[in-house]
């Protein structure tokens, strides 16, 4: 199974953490148990390499910032 995310550079790190957590919970409820990110769902990320990245509201919104999948991010909200 595949999920295609277009314009992933416009998404914040915590959104991917929430997606991964929700997909894992859904698979666990369906009886599929795995420790893999996104519960072994294949995720294809697409973007325009010539597009400027968005201006994040806070430093932890960037995809390259370390993210805690349990809480959503590492910065206090």
PDB file of N, CA and C in Angstrom:
ATOM      1  N   UNK A   1       0.843  -1.158   0.000  1.00  0.00           N
ATOM      2  CA  UNK A   1       0.000   0.000   0.000  1.00  0.00           C
ATOM      3  C   UNK A   1       0.902   1.240   0.000  1.00  0.00           C
ATOM      4  N   UNK A   2       0.490   2.255  -0.752  1.00  0.00           N
ATOM      5  CA  UNK A   2       1.288   3.469  -0.893  1.00  0.00           C
ATOM      6  C   UNK A   2       0.473   4.705  -0.528  1.00  0.00           C
ATOM      7  N   UNK A   3       1.147   5.704   0.018  1.00  0.00           N
ATOM      8  CA  UNK A   3       0.559   7.024   0.245  1.00  0.00           C
ATOM      9  C   UNK A   3       1.480   8.021  -0.446  1.00  0.00           C
ATOM     10  N   UNK A   4       0.916   8.889  -1.264  1.00  0.00           N
ATOM     11  CA  UNK A   4       1.696   9.897  -1.975  1.00  0.00           C
ATOM     12  C   UNK A   4       1.381  11.250  -1.355  1.00  0.00           C
ATOM     13  N   UNK A   5       2.422  11.948  -0.908  1.00  0.00           N
ATOM     14  CA  UNK A   5       2.269  13.272  -0.306  1.00  0.00           C
ATOM     15  C   UNK A   5       2.930  14.270  -1.243  1.00  0.00           C
ATOM     16  N   UNK A   6       2.127  15.138  -1.854  1.00  0.00           N
ATOM     17  CA  UNK A   6       2.646  16.160  -2.755  1.00  0.00           C
ATOM     18  C   UNK A   6       2.914  17.427  -1.953  1.00  0.00           C
ATOM     19  N   UNK A   7       3.901  18.191  -2.385  1.00  0.00           N
ATOM     20  CA  UNK A   7       4.285  19.434  -1.706  1.00  0.00           C
ATOM     21  C   UNK A   7       4.633  19.176  -0.238  1.00  0.00           C
ATOM     22  N   UNK A   8       5.411  18.124   0.008  1.00  0.00           N
ATOM     23  CA  UNK A   8       5.755  17.800   1.391  1.00  0.00           C
ATOM     24  C   UNK A   8       6.596  18.886   2.050  1.00  0.00           C
ATOM     25  N   UNK A   9       7.267  19.715   1.266  1.00  0.00           N
ATOM     26  CA  UNK A   9       8.072  20.782   1.855  1.00  0.00           C
ATOM     27  C   UNK A   9       7.193  21.846   2.504  1.00  0.00           C
ATOM     28  N   UNK A  10       5.904  21.840   2.199  1.00  0.00           N
ATOM     29  CA  UNK A  10       4.977  22.800   2.799  1.00  0.00           C
ATOM     30  C   UNK A  10       4.400  22.272   4.117  1.00  0.00           C
ATOM     31  N   UNK A  11       4.745  21.037   4.497  1.00  0.00           N
ATOM     32  CA  UNK A  11       4.215  20.424   5.710  1.00  0.00           C
ATOM     33  C   UNK A  11       5.233  20.540   6.840  1.00  0.00           C
ATOM     34  N   UNK A  12       4.746  20.630   8.050  1.00  0.00           N
ATOM     35  CA  UNK A  12       5.612  20.712   9.221  1.00  0.00           C
ATOM     36  C   UNK A  12       5.963  19.312   9.716  1.00  0.00           C
ATOM     37  N   UNK A  13       7.046  19.213  10.443  1.00  0.00           N
ATOM     38  CA  UNK A  13       7.524  17.942  10.979  1.00  0.00           C
ATOM     39  C   UNK A  13       6.479  17.279  11.866  1.00  0.00           C
ATOM     40  N   UNK A  14       5.810  18.056  12.711  1.00  0.00           N
ATOM     41  CA  UNK A  14       4.845  17.462  13.633  1.00  0.00           C
ATOM     42  C   UNK A  14       3.646  16.853  12.908  1.00  0.00           C
ATOM     43  N   UNK A  15       3.322  17.355  11.711  1.00  0.00           N
ATOM     44  CA  UNK A  15       2.217  16.773  10.944  1.00  0.00           C
ATOM     45  C   UNK A  15       2.566  15.352  10.498  1.00  0.00           C
ATOM     46  N   UNK A  16       3.812  15.129  10.051  1.00  0.00           N
ATOM     47  CA  UNK A  16       4.231  13.784   9.666  1.00  0.00           C
ATOM     48  C   UNK A  16       4.240  12.856  10.878  1.00  0.00           C
ATOM     49  N   UNK A  17       4.646  13.366  12.030  1.00  0.00           N
ATOM     50  CA  UNK A  17       4.626  12.555  13.255  1.00  0.00           C
ATOM     51  C   UNK A  17       3.199  12.145  13.599  1.00  0.00           C
ATOM     52  N   UNK A  18       2.260  13.074  13.459  1.00  0.00           N
ATOM     53  CA  UNK A  18       0.853  12.764  13.749  1.00  0.00           C
ATOM     54  C   UNK A  18       0.297  11.762  12.747  1.00  0.00           C
ATOM     55  N   UNK A  19       0.625  11.929  11.465  1.00  0.00           N
ATOM     56  CA  UNK A  19       0.170  10.964  10.444  1.00  0.00           C
ATOM     57  C   UNK A  19       0.693   9.573  10.762  1.00  0.00           C
ATOM     58  N   UNK A  20       1.982   9.480  11.063  1.00  0.00           N
ATOM     59  CA  UNK A  20       2.581   8.185  11.378  1.00  0.00           C
ATOM     60  C   UNK A  20       1.940   7.543  12.591  1.00  0.00           C
ATOM     61  N   UNK A  21       1.694   8.344  13.622  1.00  0.00           N
ATOM     62  CA  UNK A  21       1.056   7.822  14.832  1.00  0.00           C
ATOM     63  C   UNK A  21      -0.363   7.340  14.535  1.00  0.00           C
ATOM     64  N   UNK A  22      -1.139   8.127  13.786  1.00  0.00           N
ATOM     65  CA  UNK A  22      -2.518   7.745  13.469  1.00  0.00           C
ATOM     66  C   UNK A  22      -2.579   6.493  12.604  1.00  0.00           C
ATOM     67  N   UNK A  23      -1.671   6.377  11.648  1.00  0.00           N
ATOM     68  CA  UNK A  23      -1.637   5.182  10.800  1.00  0.00           C
ATOM     69  C   UNK A  23      -1.270   3.961  11.637  1.00  0.00           C
ATOM     70  N   UNK A  24      -0.310   4.104  12.547  1.00  0.00           N
ATOM     71  CA  UNK A  24       0.083   2.985  13.405  1.00  0.00           C
ATOM     72  C   UNK A  24      -1.062   2.548  14.307  1.00  0.00           C
ATOM     73  N   UNK A  25      -1.797   3.500  14.864  1.00  0.00           N
ATOM     74  CA  UNK A  25      -2.948   3.171  15.719  1.00  0.00           C
ATOM     75  C   UNK A  25      -4.018   2.453  14.914  1.00  0.00           C
ATOM     76  N   UNK A  26      -4.288   2.930  13.701  1.00  0.00           N
ATOM     77  CA  UNK A  26      -5.294   2.299  12.842  1.00  0.00           C
ATOM     78  C   UNK A  26      -4.893   0.870  12.496  1.00  0.00           C
ATOM     79  N   UNK A  27      -3.622   0.662  12.158  1.00  0.00           N
ATOM     80  CA  UNK A  27      -3.153  -0.690  11.836  1.00  0.00           C
ATOM     81  C   UNK A  27      -3.185  -1.589  13.067  1.00  0.00           C
ATOM     82  N   UNK A  28      -2.823  -1.036  14.225  1.00  0.00           N
ATOM     83  CA  UNK A  28      -2.857  -1.832  15.456  1.00  0.00           C
ATOM     84  C   UNK A  28      -4.287  -2.280  15.754  1.00  0.00           C
ATOM     85  N   UNK A  29      -5.255  -1.378  15.574  1.00  0.00           N
ATOM     86  CA  UNK A  29      -6.660  -1.728  15.800  1.00  0.00           C
ATOM     87  C   UNK A  29      -7.147  -2.781  14.810  1.00  0.00           C
ATOM     88  N   UNK A  30      -6.518  -2.842  13.634  1.00  0.00           N
ATOM     89  CA  UNK A  30      -6.881  -3.837  12.621  1.00  0.00           C
ATOM     90  C   UNK A  30      -6.122  -5.149  12.819  1.00  0.00           C
ATOM     91  N   UNK A  31      -5.265  -5.212  13.852  1.00  0.00           N
ATOM     92  CA  UNK A  31      -4.534  -6.441  14.135  1.00  0.00           C
ATOM     93  C   UNK A  31      -3.181  -6.534  13.471  1.00  0.00           C
ATOM     94  N   UNK A  32      -2.687  -5.430  12.912  1.00  0.00           N
ATOM     95  CA  UNK A  32      -1.372  -5.403  12.270  1.00  0.00           C
ATOM     96  C   UNK A  32      -0.394  -4.755  13.247  1.00  0.00           C
ATOM     97  N   UNK A  33       0.575  -5.518  13.748  1.00  0.00           N
ATOM     98  CA  UNK A  33       1.513  -5.009  14.740  1.00  0.00           C
ATOM     99  C   UNK A  33       2.907  -4.900  14.131  1.00  0.00           C
ATOM    100  N   UNK A  34       3.483  -3.709  14.171  1.00  0.00           N
ATOM    101  CA  UNK A  34       4.834  -3.476  13.661  1.00  0.00           C
ATOM    102  C   UNK A  34       5.413  -2.238  14.338  1.00  0.00           C
ATOM    103  N   UNK A  35       6.739  -2.190  14.437  1.00  0.00           N
ATOM    104  CA  UNK A  35       7.420  -1.033  15.024  1.00  0.00           C
ATOM    105  C   UNK A  35       7.951  -0.092  13.950  1.00  0.00           C
ATOM    106  N   UNK A  36       7.672  -0.389  12.688  1.00  0.00           N
ATOM    107  CA  UNK A  36       8.183   0.424  11.591  1.00  0.00           C
ATOM    108  C   UNK A  36       7.442   1.762  11.516  1.00  0.00           C
ATOM    109  N   UNK A  37       8.143   2.816  11.073  1.00  0.00           N
ATOM    110  CA  UNK A  37       7.465   4.101  10.882  1.00  0.00           C
ATOM    111  C   UNK A  37       6.331   3.974   9.875  1.00  0.00           C
ATOM    112  N   UNK A  38       5.251   4.635  10.109  1.00  0.00           N
ATOM    113  CA  UNK A  38       4.055   4.586   9.264  1.00  0.00           C
ATOM    114  C   UNK A  38       3.527   3.156   9.146  1.00  0.00           C
ATOM    115  N   UNK A  39       3.882   2.315  10.110  1.00  0.00           N
ATOM    116  CA  UNK A  39       3.363   0.943  10.187  1.00  0.00           C
ATOM    117  C   UNK A  39       3.521   0.195   8.868  1.00  0.00           C
ATOM    118  N   UNK A  40       4.676   0.296   8.267  1.00  0.00           N
ATOM    119  CA  UNK A  40       5.061  -0.356   7.006  1.00  0.00           C
ATOM    120  C   UNK A  40       4.289   0.143   5.788  1.00  0.00           C
ATOM    121  N   UNK A  41       3.585   1.270   5.899  1.00  0.00           N
ATOM    122  CA  UNK A  41       2.953   1.907   4.740  1.00  0.00           C
ATOM    123  C   UNK A  41       4.058   2.608   3.947  1.00  0.00           C
ATOM    124  N   UNK A  42       4.107   2.402   2.645  1.00  0.00           N
ATOM    125  CA  UNK A  42       5.098   3.063   1.799  1.00  0.00           C
ATOM    126  C   UNK A  42       4.647   4.498   1.545  1.00  0.00           C
ATOM    127  N   UNK A  43       5.483   5.460   1.894  1.00  0.00           N
ATOM    128  CA  UNK A  43       5.150   6.875   1.740  1.00  0.00           C
ATOM    129  C   UNK A  43       6.078   7.474   0.687  1.00  0.00           C
ATOM    130  N   UNK A  44       5.493   8.068  -0.344  1.00  0.00           N
ATOM    131  CA  UNK A  44       6.246   8.714  -1.415  1.00  0.00           C
ATOM    132  C   UNK A  44       6.073  10.218  -1.246  1.00  0.00           C
ATOM    133  N   UNK A  45       7.195  10.931  -1.067  1.00  0.00           N
ATOM    134  CA  UNK A  45       7.161  12.379  -0.873  1.00  0.00           C
ATOM    135  C   UNK A  45       7.563  13.072  -2.168  1.00  0.00           C
ATOM    136  N   UNK A  46       6.746  14.009  -2.620  1.00  0.00           N
ATOM    137  CA  UNK A  46       7.000  14.748  -3.862  1.00  0.00           C
ATOM    138  C   UNK A  46       7.059  16.240  -3.557  1.00  0.00           C
ATOM    139  N   UNK A  47       7.891  16.949  -4.313  1.00  0.00           N
ATOM    140  CA  UNK A  47       7.950  18.403  -4.151  1.00  0.00           C
ATOM    141  C   UNK A  47       8.599  19.038  -5.363  1.00  0.00           C
ATOM    142  N   UNK A  48       8.422  20.325  -5.491  1.00  0.00           N
ATOM    143  CA  UNK A  48       9.067  21.110  -6.533  1.00  0.00           C
ATOM    144  C   UNK A  48      10.387  21.613  -5.954  1.00  0.00           C
ATOM    145  N   UNK A  49      11.501  21.132  -6.468  1.00  0.00           N
ATOM    146  CA  UNK A  49      12.806  21.483  -5.912  1.00  0.00           C
ATOM    147  C   UNK A  49      13.171  22.950  -6.110  1.00  0.00           C
ATOM    148  N   UNK A  50      12.489  23.647  -7.013  1.00  0.00           N
ATOM    149  CA  UNK A  50      12.792  25.056  -7.261  1.00  0.00           C
ATOM    150  C   UNK A  50      11.881  25.993  -6.471  1.00  0.00           C
ATOM    151  N   UNK A  51      11.015  25.432  -5.659  1.00  0.00           N
ATOM    152  CA  UNK A  51      10.088  26.249  -4.881  1.00  0.00           C
ATOM    153  C   UNK A  51      10.735  26.630  -3.548  1.00  0.00           C
ATOM    154  N   UNK A  52      10.511  27.859  -3.115  1.00  0.00           N
ATOM    155  CA  UNK A  52      11.023  28.290  -1.822  1.00  0.00           C
ATOM    156  C   UNK A  52      10.242  27.603  -0.711  1.00  0.00           C
ATOM    157  N   UNK A  53      10.924  27.231   0.374  1.00  0.00           N
ATOM    158  CA  UNK A  53      10.206  26.604   1.489  1.00  0.00           C
ATOM    159  C   UNK A  53       9.338  27.639   2.210  1.00  0.00           C
ATOM    160  N   UNK A  54       8.300  27.193   2.894  1.00  0.00           N
ATOM    161  CA  UNK A  54       7.451  28.133   3.626  1.00  0.00           C
ATOM    162  C   UNK A  54       8.189  28.685   4.844  1.00  0.00           C
ATOM    163  N   UNK A  55       7.738  29.796   5.345  1.00  0.00           N
ATOM    164  CA  UNK A  55       8.302  30.372   6.559  1.00  0.00           C
ATOM    165  C   UNK A  55       7.565  29.737   7.731  1.00  0.00           C
ATOM    166  N   UNK A  56       8.259  28.946   8.569  1.00  0.00           N
ATOM    167  CA  UNK A  56       7.578  28.261   9.671  1.00  0.00           C
ATOM    168  C   UNK A  56       7.188  29.234  10.777  1.00  0.00           C
ATOM    169  N   UNK A  57       6.163  28.863  11.520  1.00  0.00           N
ATOM    170  CA  UNK A  57       5.719  29.681  12.646  1.00  0.00           C
ATOM    171  C   UNK A  57       6.666  29.552  13.833  1.00  0.00           C
ATOM    172  N   UNK A  58       7.339  28.416  13.935  1.00  0.00           N
ATOM    173  CA  UNK A  58       8.323  28.220  14.996  1.00  0.00           C
ATOM    174  C   UNK A  58       9.454  27.353  14.454  1.00  0.00           C
ATOM    175  N   UNK A  59      10.569  27.334  15.124  1.00  0.00           N
ATOM    176  CA  UNK A  59      11.766  26.642  14.625  1.00  0.00           C
ATOM    177  C   UNK A  59      11.538  25.155  14.404  1.00  0.00           C
ATOM    178  N   UNK A  60      10.734  24.525  15.232  1.00  0.00           N
ATOM    179  CA  UNK A  60      10.557  23.074  15.129  1.00  0.00           C
ATOM    180  C   UNK A  60       9.631  22.662  13.999  1.00  0.00           C
ATOM    181  N   UNK A  61       9.081  23.607  13.248  1.00  0.00           N
ATOM    182  CA  UNK A  61       8.160  23.263  12.169  1.00  0.00           C
ATOM    183  C   UNK A  61       8.884  22.724  10.941  1.00  0.00           C
ATOM    184  N   UNK A  62      10.162  22.988  10.820  1.00  0.00           N
ATOM    185  CA  UNK A  62      10.897  22.523   9.642  1.00  0.00           C
ATOM    186  C   UNK A  62      11.076  21.009   9.680  1.00  0.00           C
ATOM    187  N   UNK A  63      11.078  20.373   8.501  1.00  0.00           N
ATOM    188  CA  UNK A  63      11.192  18.916   8.432  1.00  0.00           C
ATOM    189  C   UNK A  63      12.539  18.407   8.922  1.00  0.00           C
ATOM    190  N   UNK A  64      13.584  19.233   8.844  1.00  0.00           N
ATOM    191  CA  UNK A  64      14.906  18.782   9.258  1.00  0.00           C
ATOM    192  C   UNK A  64      15.105  18.892  10.762  1.00  0.00           C
ATOM    193  N   UNK A  65      14.151  19.477  11.502  1.00  0.00           N
ATOM    194  CA  UNK A  65      14.238  19.617  12.953  1.00  0.00           C
ATOM    195  C   UNK A  65      13.849  18.288  13.599  1.00  0.00           C
ATOM    196  N   UNK A  66      14.587  17.808  14.603  1.00  0.00           N
ATOM    197  CA  UNK A  66      14.234  16.532  15.235  1.00  0.00           C
ATOM    198  C   UNK A  66      12.821  16.572  15.805  1.00  0.00           C
ATOM    199  N   UNK A  67      12.119  15.477  15.669  1.00  0.00           N
ATOM    200  CA  UNK A  67      10.716  15.428  16.052  1.00  0.00           C
ATOM    201  C   UNK A  67      10.454  14.235  16.959  1.00  0.00           C
ATOM    202  N   UNK A  68       9.621  14.416  17.966  1.00  0.00           N
ATOM    203  CA  UNK A  68       9.217  13.331  18.848  1.00  0.00           C
ATOM    204  C   UNK A  68       7.836  12.865  18.414  1.00  0.00           C
ATOM    205  N   UNK A  69       7.735  11.670  17.868  1.00  0.00           N
ATOM    206  CA  UNK A  69       6.476  11.173  17.307  1.00  0.00           C
ATOM    207  C   UNK A  69       5.396  10.984  18.360  1.00  0.00           C
ATOM    208  N   UNK A  70       5.780  10.822  19.613  1.00  0.00           N
ATOM    209  CA  UNK A  70       4.777  10.617  20.659  1.00  0.00           C
ATOM    210  C   UNK A  70       4.065  11.919  20.979  1.00  0.00           C
ATOM    211  N   UNK A  71       4.822  13.003  21.105  1.00  0.00           N
ATOM    212  CA  UNK A  71       4.233  14.276  21.476  1.00  0.00           C
ATOM    213  C   UNK A  71       3.918  15.132  20.264  1.00  0.00           C
ATOM    214  N   UNK A  72       4.640  14.978  19.188  1.00  0.00           N
ATOM    215  CA  UNK A  72       4.419  15.780  17.993  1.00  0.00           C
ATOM    216  C   UNK A  72       5.619  16.624  17.642  1.00  0.00           C
ATOM    217  N   UNK A  73       6.316  17.172  18.651  1.00  0.00           N
ATOM    218  CA  UNK A  73       7.549  17.909  18.394  1.00  0.00           C
ATOM    219  C   UNK A  73       8.355  17.994  19.677  1.00  0.00           C
ATOM    220  N   UNK A  74       9.530  18.593  19.602  1.00  0.00           N
ATOM    221  CA  UNK A  74      10.398  18.655  20.772  1.00  0.00           C
ATOM    222  C   UNK A  74      10.352  20.004  21.457  1.00  0.00           C
ATOM    223  N   UNK A  75       9.635  20.935  20.908  1.00  0.00           N
ATOM    224  CA  UNK A  75       9.547  22.272  21.466  1.00  0.00           C
ATOM    225  C   UNK A  75       8.326  22.381  22.364  1.00  0.00           C
ATOM    226  N   UNK A  76       8.439  23.074  23.476  1.00  0.00           N
ATOM    227  CA  UNK A  76       7.271  23.277  24.345  1.00  0.00           C
ATOM    228  C   UNK A  76       6.239  24.118  23.634  1.00  0.00           C
ATOM    229  N   UNK A  77       4.982  23.713  23.760  1.00  0.00           N
ATOM    230  CA  UNK A  77       3.912  24.455  23.074  1.00  0.00           C
ATOM    231  C   UNK A  77       3.245  25.414  24.022  1.00  0.00           C
TER     232      UNK A  77
END
